[in-house]
Amino acid sequence: MRILLVEDEIAAQQHLVSLLEVTWPGVEMAGVLPSVQQARAWLHQHPAPDLVFLDIQLADGPCWPLAEQVARSSPIIFTTAYDQYALRAFDHHSIAYLLKPITEEKLHRALSKYQALRHEAKPELTSMLPQLRAALTEVKSPFRERFLVKKGKALTPVNTNTVAYFYRDTLLYLVTQAGERYPVDFSLEALENQLNPREFLRLNRQVLAHIGSIARVEPYLGGKLLVQLEPPLPQVIVVSQEKGAWLKQQLGG
């Protein structure tokens, strides 16, 4: 089984690859790519994979142009952080999906749906994509979608899906996945109420991190945890013993 994974978050890439290796021993990762552009180029240069895991929102935009290309030759399991209400669109159109944060149980469920759909007489995925795209576009997220930050003398928008984490030093800073840092005029408590709690996790009093930015978790003194983020944060991030079990559960452990 040759699998192509299209996912722009490094931690999410590594996590799903490790789950697939456990779930499907002997699986071959044909490619792991972060963007629509790179995936389209890869598909022109390689034989079609047996299965594609495709994140809906990628670094260079939504996946739909790529999905239309992939669906002509390979089945797709979509990965998504959409809420449960939006996921009805997937069920309505009988499309397999994997809800983030990804766990082994969710992966089994998505693969089971994919296997079942392969043996049912369903319309081609290419004919269902426009309806699915329209259905998901109509769903208004209740969470903040962007921030307006100061860059030099100008103000520039930063999409929430590009944020790696927020941390409090002298000021509160927003750090993007590309490593850019901007001061923002919020409290961490206010941000917790504005961001999707399934995506942004409060690690301690100083840090609110996107789950995909958590690169490593290590045991520490007294049952606490040490967390490493990507991009790296110079200060040590310690998660209390009380929050440690909760954090491991959020990460699929």
C-alpha atoms as a PDB file:
ATOM      1  CA  MET A   1       0.000   0.000   0.000  1.00  0.00           C
ATOM      2  CA  ARG A   2       1.619   3.252  -1.191  1.00  0.00           C
ATOM      3  CA  ILE A   3       0.366   6.312   0.693  1.00  0.00           C
ATOM      4  CA  LEU A   4       0.786  10.001  -0.064  1.00  0.00           C
ATOM      5  CA  LEU A   5       0.379  12.382   2.874  1.00  0.00           C
ATOM      6  CA  VAL A   6      -0.269  16.072   2.184  1.00  0.00           C
ATOM      7  CA  GLU A   7      -0.021  17.991   5.462  1.00  0.00           C
ATOM      8  CA  ASP A   8       1.716  21.297   6.197  1.00  0.00           C
ATOM      9  CA  GLU A   9       2.394  20.878   9.922  1.00  0.00           C
ATOM     10  CA  ILE A  10       5.598  18.952  10.660  1.00  0.00           C
ATOM     11  CA  ALA A  11       4.422  17.587  13.998  1.00  0.00           C
ATOM     12  CA  ALA A  12       1.139  16.435  12.423  1.00  0.00           C
ATOM     13  CA  GLN A  13       3.071  14.772   9.577  1.00  0.00           C
ATOM     14  CA  GLN A  14       5.269  12.824  11.975  1.00  0.00           C
ATOM     15  CA  HIS A  15       2.357  11.865  14.196  1.00  0.00           C
ATOM     16  CA  LEU A  16       0.212  10.475  11.375  1.00  0.00           C
ATOM     17  CA  VAL A  17       3.136   8.607   9.787  1.00  0.00           C
ATOM     18  CA  SER A  18       3.904   6.901  13.108  1.00  0.00           C
ATOM     19  CA  LEU A  19       0.226   5.957  13.579  1.00  0.00           C
ATOM     20  CA  LEU A  20       0.061   4.531  10.046  1.00  0.00           C
ATOM     21  CA  GLU A  21       3.179   2.446  10.617  1.00  0.00           C
ATOM     22  CA  VAL A  22       1.558   0.935  13.712  1.00  0.00           C
ATOM     23  CA  THR A  23      -1.853   0.463  12.103  1.00  0.00           C
ATOM     24  CA  TRP A  24      -0.623  -0.841   8.736  1.00  0.00           C
ATOM     25  CA  PRO A  25       2.724  -2.613   9.218  1.00  0.00           C
ATOM     26  CA  GLY A  26       4.659  -2.542   5.970  1.00  0.00           C
ATOM     27  CA  VAL A  27       2.871   0.536   4.624  1.00  0.00           C
ATOM     28  CA  GLU A  28       5.017   2.534   2.192  1.00  0.00           C
ATOM     29  CA  MET A  29       4.999   6.311   2.550  1.00  0.00           C
ATOM     30  CA  ALA A  30       5.345   7.314  -1.089  1.00  0.00           C
ATOM     31  CA  GLY A  31       5.595  10.979  -0.168  1.00  0.00           C
ATOM     32  CA  VAL A  32       4.994  13.523   2.592  1.00  0.00           C
ATOM     33  CA  LEU A  33       4.342  17.005   1.228  1.00  0.00           C
ATOM     34  CA  PRO A  34       3.289  20.345   2.780  1.00  0.00           C
ATOM     35  CA  SER A  35       1.490  22.226   0.029  1.00  0.00           C
ATOM     36  CA  VAL A  36      -0.893  22.087  -2.918  1.00  0.00           C
ATOM     37  CA  GLN A  37       1.840  23.210  -5.299  1.00  0.00           C
ATOM     38  CA  GLN A  38       4.395  20.601  -4.220  1.00  0.00           C
ATOM     39  CA  ALA A  39       1.821  17.808  -4.200  1.00  0.00           C
ATOM     40  CA  ARG A  40       0.651  18.644  -7.729  1.00  0.00           C
ATOM     41  CA  ALA A  41       4.254  18.596  -8.953  1.00  0.00           C
ATOM     42  CA  TRP A  42       4.846  15.254  -7.207  1.00  0.00           C
ATOM     43  CA  LEU A  43       1.778  13.710  -8.854  1.00  0.00           C
ATOM     44  CA  HIS A  44       3.056  14.677 -12.296  1.00  0.00           C
ATOM     45  CA  GLN A  45       6.353  12.911 -11.615  1.00  0.00           C
ATOM     46  CA  HIS A  46       5.242   9.707  -9.821  1.00  0.00           C
ATOM     47  CA  PRO A  47       2.713   6.900 -10.275  1.00  0.00           C
ATOM     48  CA  ALA A  48      -0.622   7.463  -8.550  1.00  0.00           C
ATOM     49  CA  PRO A  49      -0.554   6.355  -4.870  1.00  0.00           C
ATOM     50  CA  ASP A  50      -2.987   3.763  -3.544  1.00  0.00           C
ATOM     51  CA  LEU A  51      -4.396   6.224  -0.991  1.00  0.00           C
ATOM     52  CA  VAL A  52      -3.980   9.936  -0.214  1.00  0.00           C
ATOM     53  CA  PHE A  53      -4.354  11.593   3.187  1.00  0.00           C
ATOM     54  CA  LEU A  54      -5.169  15.218   2.411  1.00  0.00           C
ATOM     55  CA  ASP A  55      -5.439  18.099   4.873  1.00  0.00           C
ATOM     56  CA  ILE A  56      -8.178  20.537   3.877  1.00  0.00           C
ATOM     57  CA  GLN A  57      -6.250  23.705   4.766  1.00  0.00           C
ATOM     58  CA  LEU A  58      -2.631  23.730   3.554  1.00  0.00           C
ATOM     59  CA  ALA A  59       0.191  26.255   3.717  1.00  0.00           C
ATOM     60  CA  ASP A  60      -0.609  27.698   0.284  1.00  0.00           C
ATOM     61  CA  GLY A  61      -4.397  27.529   0.537  1.00  0.00           C
ATOM     62  CA  PRO A  62      -7.369  25.126   0.577  1.00  0.00           C
ATOM     63  CA  CYS A  63      -6.883  21.638  -0.840  1.00  0.00           C
ATOM     64  CA  TRP A  64      -9.737  21.668  -3.375  1.00  0.00           C
ATOM     65  CA  PRO A  65      -7.763  22.137  -6.631  1.00  0.00           C
ATOM     66  CA  LEU A  66      -5.449  19.324  -5.550  1.00  0.00           C
ATOM     67  CA  ALA A  67      -8.365  17.126  -4.446  1.00  0.00           C
ATOM     68  CA  GLU A  68      -9.951  17.402  -7.880  1.00  0.00           C
ATOM     69  CA  GLN A  69      -6.694  16.243  -9.462  1.00  0.00           C
ATOM     70  CA  VAL A  70      -6.091  13.421  -6.971  1.00  0.00           C
ATOM     71  CA  ALA A  71      -9.649  12.076  -7.084  1.00  0.00           C
ATOM     72  CA  ARG A  72      -9.284  11.081 -10.740  1.00  0.00           C
ATOM     73  CA  SER A  73      -6.777   8.361  -9.867  1.00  0.00           C
ATOM     74  CA  SER A  74      -6.620   7.771  -6.088  1.00  0.00           C
ATOM     75  CA  PRO A  75      -9.033   7.537  -3.142  1.00  0.00           C
ATOM     76  CA  ILE A  76      -8.763  10.279  -0.516  1.00  0.00           C
ATOM     77  CA  ILE A  77      -9.118  10.419   3.255  1.00  0.00           C
ATOM     78  CA  PHE A  78      -9.462  14.065   4.238  1.00  0.00           C
ATOM     79  CA  THR A  79      -7.905  15.301   7.480  1.00  0.00           C
ATOM     80  CA  THR A  80      -9.638  18.255   9.084  1.00  0.00           C
ATOM     81  CA  ALA A  81     -10.001  20.378  12.181  1.00  0.00           C
ATOM     82  CA  TYR A  82     -13.596  21.355  11.317  1.00  0.00           C
ATOM     83  CA  ASP A  83     -16.103  21.006  14.121  1.00  0.00           C
ATOM     84  CA  GLN A  84     -18.699  18.246  14.440  1.00  0.00           C
ATOM     85  CA  TYR A  85     -21.423  20.310  12.785  1.00  0.00           C
ATOM     86  CA  ALA A  86     -19.340  20.786   9.652  1.00  0.00           C
ATOM     87  CA  LEU A  87     -18.443  17.106   9.580  1.00  0.00           C
ATOM     88  CA  ARG A  88     -22.040  16.271   8.676  1.00  0.00           C
ATOM     89  CA  ALA A  89     -21.094  17.414   5.177  1.00  0.00           C
ATOM     90  CA  PHE A  90     -18.586  14.577   4.930  1.00  0.00           C
ATOM     91  CA  ASP A  91     -21.120  12.044   6.166  1.00  0.00           C
ATOM     92  CA  HIS A  92     -23.811  13.362   3.834  1.00  0.00           C
ATOM     93  CA  HIS A  93     -21.535  12.959   0.819  1.00  0.00           C
ATOM     94  CA  SER A  94     -20.143   9.627   2.071  1.00  0.00           C
ATOM     95  CA  ILE A  95     -16.528  10.751   2.153  1.00  0.00           C
ATOM     96  CA  ALA A  96     -13.955   9.364   4.570  1.00  0.00           C
ATOM     97  CA  TYR A  97     -12.365  11.914   6.893  1.00  0.00           C
ATOM     98  CA  LEU A  98     -10.041  12.049   9.863  1.00  0.00           C
ATOM     99  CA  LEU A  99     -10.741  14.597  12.603  1.00  0.00           C
ATOM    100  CA  LYS A 100      -7.826  16.345  14.298  1.00  0.00           C
ATOM    101  CA  PRO A 101      -6.284  15.811  16.794  1.00  0.00           C
ATOM    102  CA  ILE A 102      -5.648  12.382  15.303  1.00  0.00           C
ATOM    103  CA  THR A 103      -5.656   9.284  17.494  1.00  0.00           C
ATOM    104  CA  GLU A 104      -5.224   5.618  16.667  1.00  0.00           C
ATOM    105  CA  GLU A 105      -8.947   5.067  17.254  1.00  0.00           C
ATOM    106  CA  LYS A 106      -9.882   7.857  14.824  1.00  0.00           C
ATOM    107  CA  LEU A 107      -7.471   6.485  12.233  1.00  0.00           C
ATOM    108  CA  HIS A 108      -9.068   3.032  12.501  1.00  0.00           C
ATOM    109  CA  ARG A 109     -12.508   4.618  12.091  1.00  0.00           C
ATOM    110  CA  ALA A 110     -11.481   6.590   9.000  1.00  0.00           C
ATOM    111  CA  LEU A 111      -9.822   3.567   7.413  1.00  0.00           C
ATOM    112  CA  SER A 112     -12.884   1.445   8.117  1.00  0.00           C
ATOM    113  CA  LYS A 113     -15.117   4.019   6.417  1.00  0.00           C
ATOM    114  CA  TYR A 114     -12.723   4.205   3.486  1.00  0.00           C
ATOM    115  CA  GLN A 115     -12.732   0.407   3.113  1.00  0.00           C
ATOM    116  CA  ALA A 116     -16.545   0.289   3.293  1.00  0.00           C
ATOM    117  CA  LEU A 117     -16.950   3.035   0.703  1.00  0.00           C
ATOM    118  CA  ARG A 118     -14.649   1.222  -1.707  1.00  0.00           C
ATOM    119  CA  HIS A 119     -17.143  -1.627  -1.931  1.00  0.00           C
ATOM    120  CA  GLU A 120     -20.321   0.463  -2.211  1.00  0.00           C
ATOM    121  CA  ALA A 121     -21.833   1.847  -5.378  1.00  0.00           C
ATOM    122  CA  LYS A 122     -21.258   5.550  -4.741  1.00  0.00           C
ATOM    123  CA  PRO A 123     -20.838   8.478  -7.150  1.00  0.00           C
ATOM    124  CA  GLU A 124     -17.271   9.336  -8.107  1.00  0.00           C
ATOM    125  CA  LEU A 125     -15.532  11.595  -5.599  1.00  0.00           C
ATOM    126  CA  THR A 126     -14.856  14.156  -8.328  1.00  0.00           C
ATOM    127  CA  SER A 127     -18.607  14.721  -8.695  1.00  0.00           C
ATOM    128  CA  MET A 128     -19.073  15.196  -4.935  1.00  0.00           C
ATOM    129  CA  LEU A 129     -16.231  17.660  -4.282  1.00  0.00           C
ATOM    130  CA  PRO A 130     -18.091  20.825  -5.368  1.00  0.00           C
ATOM    131  CA  GLN A 131     -20.990  20.064  -3.012  1.00  0.00           C
ATOM    132  CA  LEU A 132     -18.619  19.237  -0.160  1.00  0.00           C
ATOM    133  CA  ARG A 133     -16.621  22.400  -0.721  1.00  0.00           C
ATOM    134  CA  ALA A 134     -19.798  24.509  -0.789  1.00  0.00           C
ATOM    135  CA  ALA A 135     -21.151  22.861   2.372  1.00  0.00           C
ATOM    136  CA  LEU A 136     -17.955  23.500   4.324  1.00  0.00           C
ATOM    137  CA  THR A 137     -17.683  27.078   3.057  1.00  0.00           C
ATOM    138  CA  GLU A 138     -21.150  27.823   4.470  1.00  0.00           C
ATOM    139  CA  VAL A 139     -20.093  26.775   7.962  1.00  0.00           C
ATOM    140  CA  LYS A 140     -19.065  29.886   9.870  1.00  0.00           C
ATOM    141  CA  SER A 141     -16.355  29.191  12.400  1.00  0.00           C
ATOM    142  CA  PRO A 142     -17.177  30.514  15.881  1.00  0.00           C
ATOM    143  CA  PHE A 143     -13.466  31.046  16.505  1.00  0.00           C
ATOM    144  CA  ARG A 144     -11.124  33.876  15.547  1.00  0.00           C
ATOM    145  CA  GLU A 145      -9.789  33.391  12.023  1.00  0.00           C
ATOM    146  CA  ARG A 146      -7.082  36.072  11.880  1.00  0.00           C
ATOM    147  CA  PHE A 147      -5.135  38.658  13.858  1.00  0.00           C
ATOM    148  CA  LEU A 148      -4.079  42.144  12.829  1.00  0.00           C
ATOM    149  CA  VAL A 149      -0.452  42.677  13.884  1.00  0.00           C
ATOM    150  CA  LYS A 150       2.012  45.528  13.553  1.00  0.00           C
ATOM    151  CA  LYS A 151       4.833  44.912  11.079  1.00  0.00           C
ATOM    152  CA  GLY A 152       7.111  47.901  10.948  1.00  0.00           C
ATOM    153  CA  LYS A 153       4.899  50.943  10.431  1.00  0.00           C
ATOM    154  CA  ALA A 154       2.122  48.941   8.786  1.00  0.00           C
ATOM    155  CA  LEU A 155      -0.580  46.575  10.000  1.00  0.00           C
ATOM    156  CA  THR A 156      -0.778  43.122   8.441  1.00  0.00           C
ATOM    157  CA  PRO A 157      -3.266  40.256   8.923  1.00  0.00           C
ATOM    158  CA  VAL A 158      -2.048  36.885  10.180  1.00  0.00           C
ATOM    159  CA  ASN A 159      -4.345  33.916   9.613  1.00  0.00           C
ATOM    160  CA  THR A 160      -4.952  31.825  12.713  1.00  0.00           C
ATOM    161  CA  ASN A 161      -4.081  28.633  10.814  1.00  0.00           C
ATOM    162  CA  THR A 162      -0.508  29.949  10.442  1.00  0.00           C
ATOM    163  CA  VAL A 163      -0.021  30.603  14.185  1.00  0.00           C
ATOM    164  CA  ALA A 164       2.310  28.240  16.046  1.00  0.00           C
ATOM    165  CA  TYR A 165       1.844  29.605  19.558  1.00  0.00           C
ATOM    166  CA  PHE A 166       1.446  32.607  21.853  1.00  0.00           C
ATOM    167  CA  TYR A 167       3.787  33.208  24.756  1.00  0.00           C
ATOM    168  CA  ARG A 168       4.022  35.761  27.513  1.00  0.00           C
ATOM    169  CA  ASP A 169       7.330  37.444  28.280  1.00  0.00           C
ATOM    170  CA  THR A 170       7.418  41.150  29.060  1.00  0.00           C
ATOM    171  CA  LEU A 171       4.696  41.405  26.402  1.00  0.00           C
ATOM    172  CA  LEU A 172       2.442  38.786  24.841  1.00  0.00           C
ATOM    173  CA  TYR A 173       3.783  37.543  21.510  1.00  0.00           C
ATOM    174  CA  LEU A 174       2.255  35.700  18.565  1.00  0.00           C
ATOM    175  CA  VAL A 175       4.715  33.356  16.807  1.00  0.00           C
ATOM    176  CA  THR A 176       3.923  32.014  13.353  1.00  0.00           C
ATOM    177  CA  GLN A 177       4.871  28.625  11.928  1.00  0.00           C
ATOM    178  CA  ALA A 178       7.508  30.470   9.871  1.00  0.00           C
ATOM    179  CA  GLY A 179       9.095  31.797  13.072  1.00  0.00           C
ATOM    180  CA  GLU A 180       7.874  35.412  12.778  1.00  0.00           C
ATOM    181  CA  ARG A 181       7.144  37.097  16.117  1.00  0.00           C
ATOM    182  CA  TYR A 182       4.648  39.904  16.747  1.00  0.00           C
ATOM    183  CA  PRO A 183       3.443  41.548  19.973  1.00  0.00           C
ATOM    184  CA  VAL A 184      -0.337  41.365  20.395  1.00  0.00           C
ATOM    185  CA  ASP A 185      -2.637  43.260  22.722  1.00  0.00           C
ATOM    186  CA  PHE A 186      -4.471  40.328  24.308  1.00  0.00           C
ATOM    187  CA  SER A 187      -4.309  38.264  27.455  1.00  0.00           C
ATOM    188  CA  LEU A 188      -3.842  34.507  27.199  1.00  0.00           C
ATOM    189  CA  GLU A 189      -7.172  34.105  28.961  1.00  0.00           C
ATOM    190  CA  ALA A 190      -8.937  36.169  26.278  1.00  0.00           C
ATOM    191  CA  LEU A 191      -7.220  34.190  23.515  1.00  0.00           C
ATOM    192  CA  GLU A 192      -8.356  30.899  25.045  1.00  0.00           C
ATOM    193  CA  ASN A 193     -11.953  32.054  24.596  1.00  0.00           C
ATOM    194  CA  GLN A 194     -11.390  33.126  20.987  1.00  0.00           C
ATOM    195  CA  LEU A 195      -9.485  30.103  19.645  1.00  0.00           C
ATOM    196  CA  ASN A 196     -10.542  26.528  18.962  1.00  0.00           C
ATOM    197  CA  PRO A 197      -9.725  24.586  22.158  1.00  0.00           C
ATOM    198  CA  ARG A 198      -9.121  21.450  20.108  1.00  0.00           C
ATOM    199  CA  GLU A 199      -6.332  23.237  18.255  1.00  0.00           C
ATOM    200  CA  PHE A 200      -4.845  25.623  20.836  1.00  0.00           C
ATOM    201  CA  LEU A 201      -3.780  24.183  24.183  1.00  0.00           C
ATOM    202  CA  ARG A 202      -2.904  26.171  27.302  1.00  0.00           C
ATOM    203  CA  LEU A 203       0.356  24.597  28.450  1.00  0.00           C
ATOM    204  CA  ASN A 204       1.025  26.836  31.448  1.00  0.00           C
ATOM    205  CA  ARG A 205       0.690  30.472  32.546  1.00  0.00           C
ATOM    206  CA  GLN A 206       3.020  31.667  29.795  1.00  0.00           C
ATOM    207  CA  VAL A 207       2.192  29.570  26.710  1.00  0.00           C
ATOM    208  CA  LEU A 208      -0.862  28.851  24.532  1.00  0.00           C
ATOM    209  CA  ALA A 209       0.260  26.560  21.690  1.00  0.00           C
ATOM    210  CA  HIS A 210      -1.255  25.116  18.546  1.00  0.00           C
ATOM    211  CA  ILE A 211      -1.289  21.339  18.895  1.00  0.00           C
ATOM    212  CA  GLY A 212       0.673  21.001  15.657  1.00  0.00           C
ATOM    213  CA  SER A 213       3.545  23.066  17.062  1.00  0.00           C
ATOM    214  CA  ILE A 214       4.235  20.588  19.881  1.00  0.00           C
ATOM    215  CA  ALA A 215       7.315  18.770  18.617  1.00  0.00           C
ATOM    216  CA  ARG A 216       8.367  16.799  21.698  1.00  0.00           C
ATOM    217  CA  VAL A 217       7.168  15.938  25.206  1.00  0.00           C
ATOM    218  CA  GLU A 218       9.522  14.566  27.884  1.00  0.00           C
ATOM    219  CA  PRO A 219       9.036  13.408  31.496  1.00  0.00           C
ATOM    220  CA  TYR A 220      10.287  15.879  34.103  1.00  0.00           C
ATOM    221  CA  LEU A 221      10.643  16.107  37.860  1.00  0.00           C
ATOM    222  CA  GLY A 222       7.646  15.376  40.057  1.00  0.00           C
ATOM    223  CA  GLY A 223       5.520  13.952  37.257  1.00  0.00           C
ATOM    224  CA  LYS A 224       5.679  17.160  35.257  1.00  0.00           C
ATOM    225  CA  LEU A 225       6.356  17.356  31.512  1.00  0.00           C
ATOM    226  CA  LEU A 226       8.849  19.302  29.438  1.00  0.00           C
ATOM    227  CA  VAL A 227       7.475  20.473  26.095  1.00  0.00           C
ATOM    228  CA  GLN A 228       9.460  21.526  23.040  1.00  0.00           C
ATOM    229  CA  LEU A 229       7.783  23.649  20.394  1.00  0.00           C
ATOM    230  CA  GLU A 230       8.466  24.190  16.704  1.00  0.00           C
ATOM    231  CA  PRO A 231       9.609  26.878  15.987  1.00  0.00           C
ATOM    232  CA  PRO A 232      11.720  26.575  19.164  1.00  0.00           C
ATOM    233  CA  LEU A 233      10.976  28.802  22.147  1.00  0.00           C
ATOM    234  CA  PRO A 234      14.163  29.629  24.121  1.00  0.00           C
ATOM    235  CA  GLN A 235      12.504  29.435  27.519  1.00  0.00           C
ATOM    236  CA  VAL A 236      11.809  26.074  29.179  1.00  0.00           C
ATOM    237  CA  ILE A 237       8.150  25.022  28.982  1.00  0.00           C
ATOM    238  CA  VAL A 238       7.047  22.999  31.997  1.00  0.00           C
ATOM    239  CA  VAL A 239       3.573  21.474  32.168  1.00  0.00           C
ATOM    240  CA  SER A 240       2.258  20.666  35.626  1.00  0.00           C
ATOM    241  CA  GLN A 241       1.524  17.116  36.767  1.00  0.00           C
ATOM    242  CA  GLU A 242      -2.188  17.947  36.849  1.00  0.00           C
ATOM    243  CA  LYS A 243      -2.154  19.036  33.212  1.00  0.00           C
ATOM    244  CA  GLY A 244       0.265  16.354  32.048  1.00  0.00           C
ATOM    245  CA  ALA A 245      -2.282  13.546  31.652  1.00  0.00           C
ATOM    246  CA  TRP A 246      -4.671  15.918  29.889  1.00  0.00           C
ATOM    247  CA  LEU A 247      -1.959  17.044  27.462  1.00  0.00           C
ATOM    248  CA  LYS A 248      -0.963  13.478  26.570  1.00  0.00           C
ATOM    249  CA  GLN A 249      -4.613  12.665  25.924  1.00  0.00           C
ATOM    250  CA  GLN A 250      -4.921  15.674  23.596  1.00  0.00           C
ATOM    251  CA  LEU A 251      -1.857  14.494  21.700  1.00  0.00           C
ATOM    252  CA  GLY A 252      -3.313  11.020  21.252  1.00  0.00           C
ATOM    253  CA  GLY A 253      -1.299   9.316  23.964  1.00  0.00           C
END
